[in-house]
Amino acid sequence: MAGGQERILKRRIRSIESTKKITRAMELIAASRIVRAQQRVAAARPYSEQITEVIRNLAEGGAGLDHPLLVPREEIRKVGFVVVTADRGLAGAYNSSVIRAAERALRREQAAGHDYALVLLGRKAQSYFRYRNYRIDAAFTGMSDQPTYEDARRVAEAVVGPFESGEVDRVELVYTQFLSAASQQVRVRRFMPLDAEAIVEAGGPQREKPEGLQASYEFEPAPDAILQRLLPRYVEARLFAAMLDAAASEHAARQRAMKAATDNAEDLITKPDPGHEPGPAGHHHHRDHGDRRRRRGAAPGRRHRTCRRKPCRTRSCRIVTSALTETEAPERELKDGRVVAIAGPVVDVEFPPDALPEITHALEMDVELEGHKTTITAEVAQQLGD
């Protein structure tokens, strides 16, 4: 290996090792936060169970289940969506999965002739829907990492008011349910009106009436008055539980993503490209990176064009083409960008202001280095702006 190429290779190895240290640190931080998030989910469960038990006792004590939060609307004109995402990226498909589920549900309602209202939690959802010119009724940031009950109360106020006034006829909650550190699932659930029968029957076997003597409650004020005050608290408790689930899911997704990035960085350092000699400095980095991006699920869009330029010798002159998704007009002109930096699994690409690709779009990079051709496919995860 020539002396110049050796220096270039050593410099790139040091750069990848630096990136590896960062992703490893982020992996450990996320892993530690998962434990705390699980503890918060467990700590909030008794409150939710007890408030459900009180509502059930009120219903048995004669409280009427005709509260506005419990009565379904005869005609659905407008559907609200509460979308819970994160403020930060680098969490794999965590944000994009929630956003796609919310957008699919929203388009179904539009196809049925219903209007929509968006209440967004997290900068990722806010930037996504704002960039696509969706109407946003309320947006909240700075609460995705460690949500508090006060945060849930603020969001609930933005949802309960329009529903009680009749401005919104149904509300859907879109969030990620935390099942375990290795499994999370996106949920789209009806948030309002509340299911009165499910509340009364909540709890399963542990809520069955015990044999023998049972307590008889006398309510002051009347059960209806107590229920009217208690149902908004129940809404807040449900929303708080969903936000805690989402926070735990975010940390779990980030831990997995950073572990994958750390493993990829290690492979870039230790494993040469099996298809070529290691002579062209940096070539096996580009090839291995592109292959791993494809294995991790980044797929090209429906259409793309191949760029033809003179053989590139540096990564700064490679061409990137943004691809269209199924929902975009086929006649939209595709634009080219320029790769300016590569750090482990992250590629920084520069585009003209009028050609910035959207999040979750595919980027396809055709590279020719020292006579070797390869293609790198990646997914847009973040827009940094100017």
Protein backbone atom coordinates (compact mmCIF):
# COMPACT_ATOMS: atom_id res chain seq x y z
CA MET A 1 0.00 0.00 0.00
CA ALA A 2 1.39 3.41 -0.97
CA GLY A 3 2.30 5.81 1.83
CA GLY A 4 -0.37 8.34 0.86
CA GLN A 5 -3.13 5.75 0.77
CA GLU A 6 -2.00 4.36 4.12
CA ARG A 7 -2.25 7.79 5.73
CA ILE A 8 -5.71 8.29 4.27
CA LEU A 9 -6.82 4.88 5.52
CA LYS A 10 -5.48 5.51 9.03
CA ARG A 11 -7.19 8.89 9.16
CA ARG A 12 -10.51 7.36 8.16
CA ILE A 13 -10.12 4.57 10.67
CA ARG A 14 -9.57 7.17 13.41
CA SER A 15 -12.67 9.01 12.23
CA ILE A 16 -14.77 5.84 12.35
CA GLU A 17 -13.39 4.96 15.78
CA SER A 18 -14.42 8.40 17.02
CA THR A 19 -17.92 7.86 15.65
CA LYS A 20 -17.99 4.42 17.25
CA LYS A 21 -17.25 5.93 20.67
CA ILE A 22 -20.14 8.36 20.27
CA THR A 23 -22.65 5.72 19.18
CA ARG A 24 -21.48 3.38 21.97
CA ALA A 25 -22.00 6.12 24.56
CA MET A 26 -25.47 6.88 23.18
CA GLU A 27 -26.30 3.17 23.28
CA LEU A 28 -25.37 2.93 26.97
CA ILE A 29 -27.27 6.11 27.84
CA ALA A 30 -30.40 4.84 26.09
CA ALA A 31 -30.10 1.46 27.81
CA SER A 32 -29.96 3.13 31.23
CA ARG A 33 -32.97 5.29 30.42
CA ILE A 34 -35.04 2.28 29.40
CA VAL A 35 -34.90 0.98 32.97
CA ARG A 36 -36.04 4.30 34.41
CA ALA A 37 -38.80 4.59 31.83
CA GLN A 38 -40.07 1.12 32.69
CA GLN A 39 -40.11 2.07 36.36
CA ARG A 40 -42.16 5.17 35.59
CA VAL A 41 -44.66 3.11 33.59
CA ALA A 42 -45.04 0.71 36.52
CA ALA A 43 -45.34 3.57 39.02
CA ALA A 44 -48.17 5.23 37.06
CA ARG A 45 -50.21 2.04 36.72
CA PRO A 46 -51.76 1.99 40.24
CA TYR A 47 -53.21 5.50 39.76
CA SER A 48 -54.79 4.51 36.46
CA GLU A 49 -56.24 1.34 37.99
CA GLN A 50 -57.65 3.16 41.00
CA ILE A 51 -59.29 5.94 39.01
CA THR A 52 -60.89 3.28 36.82
CA GLU A 53 -62.13 1.51 39.95
CA VAL A 54 -63.69 4.72 41.28
CA ILE A 55 -65.51 5.34 38.00
CA ARG A 56 -66.81 1.78 38.09
CA ASN A 57 -68.10 2.31 41.64
CA LEU A 58 -69.77 5.55 40.59
CA ALA A 59 -71.53 3.76 37.73
CA GLU A 60 -72.75 1.09 40.16
CA GLY A 61 -73.85 3.86 42.55
CA GLY A 62 -76.21 5.35 40.01
CA ALA A 63 -74.08 7.79 38.07
CA GLY A 64 -75.45 8.31 34.60
CA LEU A 65 -73.09 7.48 31.75
CA ASP A 66 -74.31 10.36 29.60
CA HIS A 67 -71.32 12.65 30.08
CA PRO A 68 -70.14 14.34 26.83
CA LEU A 69 -66.87 12.40 27.04
CA LEU A 70 -68.79 9.10 27.01
CA VAL A 71 -71.48 9.67 24.38
CA PRO A 72 -70.59 8.77 20.75
CA ARG A 73 -71.64 11.30 18.12
CA GLU A 74 -74.35 10.33 15.68
CA GLU A 75 -72.60 12.05 12.80
CA ILE A 76 -68.83 12.22 12.37
CA ARG A 77 -67.72 15.42 10.65
CA LYS A 78 -64.26 15.98 12.11
CA VAL A 79 -61.73 13.53 13.56
CA GLY A 80 -58.85 14.60 15.77
CA PHE A 81 -55.48 12.85 15.94
CA VAL A 82 -53.08 12.96 18.87
CA VAL A 83 -49.71 11.84 17.49
CA VAL A 84 -46.93 11.05 19.98
CA THR A 85 -43.38 11.12 18.57
CA ALA A 86 -39.94 12.17 19.82
CA ASP A 87 -38.07 15.45 19.76
CA ARG A 88 -34.88 13.79 18.55
CA GLY A 89 -33.90 11.32 15.85
CA LEU A 90 -31.26 8.58 15.77
CA ALA A 91 -33.89 6.11 16.97
CA GLY A 92 -34.26 3.88 13.94
CA ALA A 93 -37.79 3.72 12.55
CA TYR A 94 -39.43 4.83 15.80
CA ASN A 95 -40.63 8.24 14.58
CA SER A 96 -41.32 7.31 10.97
CA SER A 97 -43.48 4.33 12.00
CA VAL A 98 -45.74 6.49 14.16
CA ILE A 99 -45.92 9.23 11.54
CA ARG A 100 -46.81 6.79 8.75
CA ALA A 101 -49.54 5.17 10.86
CA ALA A 102 -51.01 8.59 11.69
CA GLU A 103 -50.89 9.75 8.09
CA ARG A 104 -52.57 6.56 6.84
CA ALA A 105 -55.37 6.94 9.40
CA LEU A 106 -55.77 10.62 8.52
CA ARG A 107 -56.06 9.86 4.81
CA ARG A 108 -58.67 7.19 5.49
CA GLU A 109 -60.79 9.76 7.28
CA GLN A 110 -60.31 12.24 4.46
CA ALA A 111 -61.37 9.59 1.95
CA ALA A 112 -64.53 9.09 4.02
CA GLY A 113 -65.28 12.81 3.75
CA HIS A 114 -64.23 13.76 7.28
CA ASP A 115 -62.23 16.81 8.26
CA TYR A 116 -59.23 16.43 10.58
CA ALA A 117 -57.49 18.12 13.51
CA LEU A 118 -53.87 17.44 14.46
CA VAL A 119 -52.43 17.62 17.98
CA LEU A 120 -48.75 16.75 17.73
CA LEU A 121 -46.26 15.77 20.43
CA GLY A 122 -42.59 15.91 19.47
CA ARG A 123 -40.56 17.92 16.98
CA LYS A 124 -40.40 15.03 14.51
CA ALA A 125 -44.16 14.92 13.94
CA GLN A 126 -44.35 18.71 13.90
CA SER A 127 -41.67 19.09 11.22
CA TYR A 128 -43.09 16.26 9.13
CA PHE A 129 -46.69 17.50 8.97
CA ARG A 130 -45.73 21.16 8.71
CA TYR A 131 -43.40 20.45 5.80
CA ARG A 132 -46.32 18.77 3.97
CA ASN A 133 -48.65 21.68 4.68
CA TYR A 134 -51.03 19.81 6.95
CA ARG A 135 -53.13 21.98 9.24
CA ILE A 136 -51.77 21.70 12.79
CA ASP A 137 -54.15 22.66 15.59
CA ALA A 138 -51.69 22.28 18.49
CA ALA A 139 -48.06 21.20 18.86
CA PHE A 140 -46.04 20.38 21.98
CA THR A 141 -42.29 19.85 22.26
CA GLY A 142 -39.77 19.24 25.01
CA MET A 143 -41.74 16.51 26.76
CA SER A 144 -41.00 13.30 24.87
CA ASP A 145 -37.90 12.22 26.81
CA GLN A 146 -39.30 12.39 30.36
CA PRO A 147 -43.01 13.30 30.24
CA THR A 148 -44.70 14.49 33.43
CA TYR A 149 -48.34 14.44 34.46
CA GLU A 150 -48.47 18.20 33.97
CA ASP A 151 -47.39 17.68 30.37
CA ALA A 152 -50.22 15.19 29.88
CA ARG A 153 -52.67 17.67 31.42
CA ARG A 154 -51.61 20.41 29.01
CA VAL A 155 -52.09 18.13 26.02
CA ALA A 156 -55.42 16.81 27.35
CA GLU A 157 -56.75 20.36 27.67
CA ALA A 158 -56.04 20.93 23.99
CA VAL A 159 -58.03 17.80 23.12
CA VAL A 160 -60.91 17.72 25.63
CA GLY A 161 -62.04 21.31 24.98
CA PRO A 162 -62.71 20.93 21.24
CA PHE A 163 -64.35 17.54 21.80
CA GLU A 164 -66.74 18.76 24.51
CA SER A 165 -67.65 21.83 22.45
CA GLY A 166 -68.57 19.66 19.47
CA GLU A 167 -65.80 20.97 17.23
CA VAL A 168 -64.29 17.47 17.06
CA ASP A 169 -66.49 14.37 16.95
CA ARG A 170 -63.89 11.66 17.55
CA VAL A 171 -60.28 11.58 18.68
CA GLU A 172 -57.69 8.94 17.77
CA LEU A 173 -54.47 8.42 19.74
CA VAL A 174 -51.37 7.30 17.76
CA TYR A 175 -48.39 6.22 19.85
CA THR A 176 -45.91 3.37 20.36
CA GLN A 177 -46.78 0.82 23.01
CA PHE A 178 -43.84 -0.53 24.98
CA LEU A 179 -44.03 -4.30 25.24
CA SER A 180 -40.42 -5.08 26.12
CA ALA A 181 -36.95 -3.74 25.45
CA ALA A 182 -36.92 -5.75 22.22
CA SER A 183 -40.54 -5.22 21.13
CA GLN A 184 -42.64 -2.11 20.63
CA GLN A 185 -45.77 -1.72 18.55
CA VAL A 186 -47.47 1.30 17.01
CA ARG A 187 -51.07 1.67 18.17
CA VAL A 188 -53.94 3.69 16.70
CA ARG A 189 -56.69 3.68 19.32
CA ARG A 190 -59.88 5.58 19.92
CA PHE A 191 -59.20 8.13 22.61
CA MET A 192 -62.54 9.93 22.78
CA PRO A 193 -65.40 9.33 23.27
CA LEU A 194 -64.45 7.03 26.11
CA ASP A 195 -65.81 3.51 26.06
CA ALA A 196 -68.23 3.46 29.01
CA GLU A 197 -68.71 -0.32 28.95
CA ALA A 198 -64.95 -0.93 28.89
CA ILE A 199 -64.48 1.37 31.89
CA VAL A 200 -67.21 -0.34 33.92
CA GLU A 201 -65.90 -3.80 33.06
CA ALA A 202 -62.20 -2.86 33.34
CA GLY A 203 -59.87 -4.99 35.37
CA GLY A 204 -60.84 -8.53 34.42
CA PRO A 205 -60.74 -11.24 37.10
CA GLN A 206 -59.22 -9.04 39.80
CA ARG A 207 -62.29 -6.76 39.55
CA GLU A 208 -64.79 -9.54 40.19
CA LYS A 209 -66.97 -8.96 43.22
CA PRO A 210 -65.71 -10.89 46.24
CA GLU A 211 -67.92 -13.32 48.09
CA GLY A 212 -69.50 -12.32 51.40
CA LEU A 213 -69.96 -8.78 52.66
CA GLN A 214 -69.32 -5.90 50.29
CA ALA A 215 -68.78 -2.21 50.94
CA SER A 216 -71.68 0.14 50.32
CA TYR A 217 -70.65 3.66 49.29
CA GLU A 218 -72.48 6.92 49.93
CA PHE A 219 -71.31 9.69 47.63
CA GLU A 220 -71.17 13.37 48.46
CA PRO A 221 -71.74 15.24 46.21
CA ALA A 222 -73.94 13.15 43.91
CA PRO A 223 -72.31 10.46 41.74
CA ASP A 224 -73.06 12.45 38.58
CA ALA A 225 -71.19 15.48 39.90
CA ILE A 226 -68.21 13.38 40.93
CA LEU A 227 -68.14 11.62 37.56
CA GLN A 228 -68.19 14.96 35.76
CA ARG A 229 -65.04 16.01 37.65
CA LEU A 230 -63.36 12.63 37.44
CA LEU A 231 -63.65 11.83 33.72
CA PRO A 232 -61.24 14.59 32.60
CA ARG A 233 -58.71 13.17 35.11
CA TYR A 234 -59.26 9.76 33.56
CA VAL A 235 -58.49 11.19 30.12
CA GLU A 236 -55.29 12.72 31.49
CA ALA A 237 -54.27 9.40 33.07
CA ARG A 238 -54.77 7.52 29.79
CA LEU A 239 -52.77 10.10 27.87
CA PHE A 240 -50.01 10.09 30.49
CA ALA A 241 -49.76 6.29 30.27
CA ALA A 242 -49.43 6.52 26.46
CA MET A 243 -46.71 9.18 26.76
CA LEU A 244 -44.76 7.02 29.23
CA ASP A 245 -45.07 4.04 26.88
CA ALA A 246 -43.83 6.20 24.02
CA ALA A 247 -40.85 7.46 26.02
CA ALA A 248 -39.79 3.93 26.94
CA SER A 249 -40.21 2.84 23.31
CA GLU A 250 -38.10 5.76 22.11
CA HIS A 251 -35.20 4.82 24.40
CA ALA A 252 -35.44 1.16 23.37
CA ALA A 253 -35.45 2.07 19.67
CA ARG A 254 -32.49 4.42 20.12
CA GLN A 255 -30.54 1.77 22.02
CA ARG A 256 -31.01 -0.71 19.17
CA ALA A 257 -30.17 1.87 16.50
CA MET A 258 -26.99 2.95 18.27
CA LYS A 259 -25.95 -0.66 18.80
CA ALA A 260 -26.37 -1.31 15.09
CA ALA A 261 -24.34 1.82 14.32
CA THR A 262 -21.60 0.70 16.72
CA ASP A 263 -21.49 -2.76 15.13
CA ASN A 264 -21.35 -1.23 11.65
CA ALA A 265 -18.47 1.02 12.67
CA GLU A 266 -16.60 -1.99 14.03
CA ASP A 267 -17.15 -3.87 10.78
CA LEU A 268 -15.93 -0.92 8.73
CA ILE A 269 -12.69 -0.96 10.73
CA THR A 270 -12.02 -4.69 10.87
CA LYS A 271 -13.63 -6.25 7.78
CA PRO A 272 -12.35 -5.46 4.27
CA ASP A 273 -14.61 -5.40 1.24
CA PRO A 274 -14.78 -9.04 0.03
CA GLY A 275 -15.26 -8.01 -3.57
CA HIS A 276 -12.25 -5.75 -4.01
CA GLU A 277 -8.74 -5.24 -2.85
CA PRO A 278 -8.26 -2.73 -0.04
CA GLY A 279 -6.04 -0.61 -2.25
CA PRO A 280 -8.38 2.31 -3.12
CA ALA A 281 -8.52 4.05 0.23
CA GLY A 282 -12.04 4.44 1.49
CA HIS A 283 -13.57 2.34 -1.27
CA HIS A 284 -14.46 -0.58 0.96
CA HIS A 285 -15.95 1.89 3.44
CA HIS A 286 -18.40 3.19 0.86
CA ARG A 287 -19.28 -0.29 -0.40
CA ASP A 288 -19.72 -1.85 3.02
CA HIS A 289 -21.75 1.12 4.17
CA GLY A 290 -24.05 0.91 1.16
CA ASP A 291 -24.62 -2.82 1.59
CA ARG A 292 -25.43 -2.41 5.27
CA ARG A 293 -27.88 0.41 4.59
CA ARG A 294 -29.74 -1.90 2.23
CA ARG A 295 -29.77 -4.71 4.77
CA ARG A 296 -31.15 -2.36 7.37
CA GLY A 297 -34.19 -1.74 5.21
CA ALA A 298 -33.53 1.52 3.38
CA ALA A 299 -35.19 1.04 0.02
CA PRO A 300 -35.20 3.22 -3.09
CA GLY A 301 -38.39 4.93 -4.19
CA ARG A 302 -40.50 4.11 -7.19
CA ARG A 303 -38.46 6.19 -9.59
CA HIS A 304 -34.87 7.31 -9.79
CA ARG A 305 -32.41 8.41 -12.39
CA THR A 306 -28.77 7.50 -12.74
CA CYS A 307 -26.26 10.31 -12.82
CA ARG A 308 -23.26 10.09 -15.13
CA ARG A 309 -20.14 12.04 -14.24
CA LYS A 310 -16.42 11.58 -14.60
CA PRO A 311 -14.87 8.95 -12.28
CA CYS A 312 -14.91 10.29 -8.71
CA ARG A 313 -11.87 10.09 -6.51
CA THR A 314 -13.33 11.76 -3.43
CA ARG A 315 -16.65 11.32 -1.75
CA SER A 316 -17.39 15.05 -2.01
CA CYS A 317 -18.26 14.79 -5.71
CA ARG A 318 -20.60 11.85 -5.58
CA ILE A 319 -24.13 12.50 -6.79
CA VAL A 320 -27.25 11.74 -4.79
CA THR A 321 -30.68 11.43 -6.35
CA SER A 322 -33.89 11.80 -4.35
CA ALA A 323 -36.63 9.31 -5.20
CA LEU A 324 -40.38 9.77 -5.21
CA THR A 325 -42.85 8.03 -2.96
CA GLU A 326 -46.13 6.58 -4.13
CA THR A 327 -48.15 9.58 -2.99
CA GLU A 328 -46.27 12.20 -5.01
CA ALA A 329 -46.96 13.38 -8.52
CA PRO A 330 -44.91 11.42 -11.07
CA GLU A 331 -44.10 14.56 -13.05
CA ARG A 332 -42.16 16.16 -10.20
CA GLU A 333 -38.58 16.87 -11.25
CA LEU A 334 -35.89 15.00 -9.35
CA LYS A 335 -32.90 16.95 -8.05
CA ASP A 336 -29.29 16.12 -7.40
CA GLY A 337 -27.29 16.68 -4.23
CA ARG A 338 -23.72 16.33 -3.03
CA VAL A 339 -22.33 14.10 -0.28
CA VAL A 340 -20.25 16.27 2.04
CA ALA A 341 -19.45 13.90 4.93
CA ILE A 342 -19.76 10.29 6.04
CA ALA A 343 -19.55 9.28 9.71
CA GLY A 344 -20.21 5.58 10.30
CA PRO A 345 -23.81 4.89 9.24
CA VAL A 346 -24.61 8.62 8.82
CA VAL A 347 -24.25 10.40 5.47
CA ASP A 348 -24.51 14.21 5.23
CA VAL A 349 -25.85 15.36 1.87
CA GLU A 350 -26.18 18.92 0.61
CA PHE A 351 -29.13 19.88 -1.61
CA PRO A 352 -30.28 23.17 -3.14
CA PRO A 353 -32.96 24.91 -1.01
CA ASP A 354 -35.69 24.12 -3.54
CA ALA A 355 -34.74 20.44 -3.83
CA LEU A 356 -34.58 19.29 -0.20
CA PRO A 357 -35.86 15.67 -0.03
CA GLU A 358 -38.49 14.77 2.51
CA ILE A 359 -37.99 12.59 5.56
CA THR A 360 -38.27 8.81 4.85
CA HIS A 361 -37.51 9.37 1.15
CA ALA A 362 -34.83 7.22 -0.43
CA LEU A 363 -31.49 8.51 -1.64
CA GLU A 364 -29.57 6.54 -4.24
CA MET A 365 -25.88 7.29 -4.72
CA ASP A 366 -23.97 6.03 -7.77
CA VAL A 367 -20.24 5.99 -7.03
CA GLU A 368 -17.28 5.27 -9.29
CA LEU A 369 -13.91 5.09 -7.56
CA GLU A 370 -10.76 3.98 -9.33
CA GLY A 371 -12.81 2.08 -11.88
CA HIS A 372 -14.98 0.32 -9.27
CA LYS A 373 -18.71 1.04 -9.37
CA THR A 374 -21.12 0.69 -6.48
CA THR A 375 -24.50 2.02 -5.40
CA ILE A 376 -25.42 3.21 -1.93
CA THR A 377 -29.08 3.42 -0.90
CA ALA A 378 -30.09 5.30 2.23
CA GLU A 379 -33.16 6.80 3.89
CA VAL A 380 -33.59 10.47 4.83
CA ALA A 381 -33.78 10.62 8.63
CA GLN A 382 -33.26 14.30 9.42
CA GLN A 383 -33.24 17.74 7.78
CA LEU A 384 -30.63 20.08 9.21
CA GLY A 385 -31.54 23.22 7.27
CA ASP A 386 -29.02 25.91 6.40
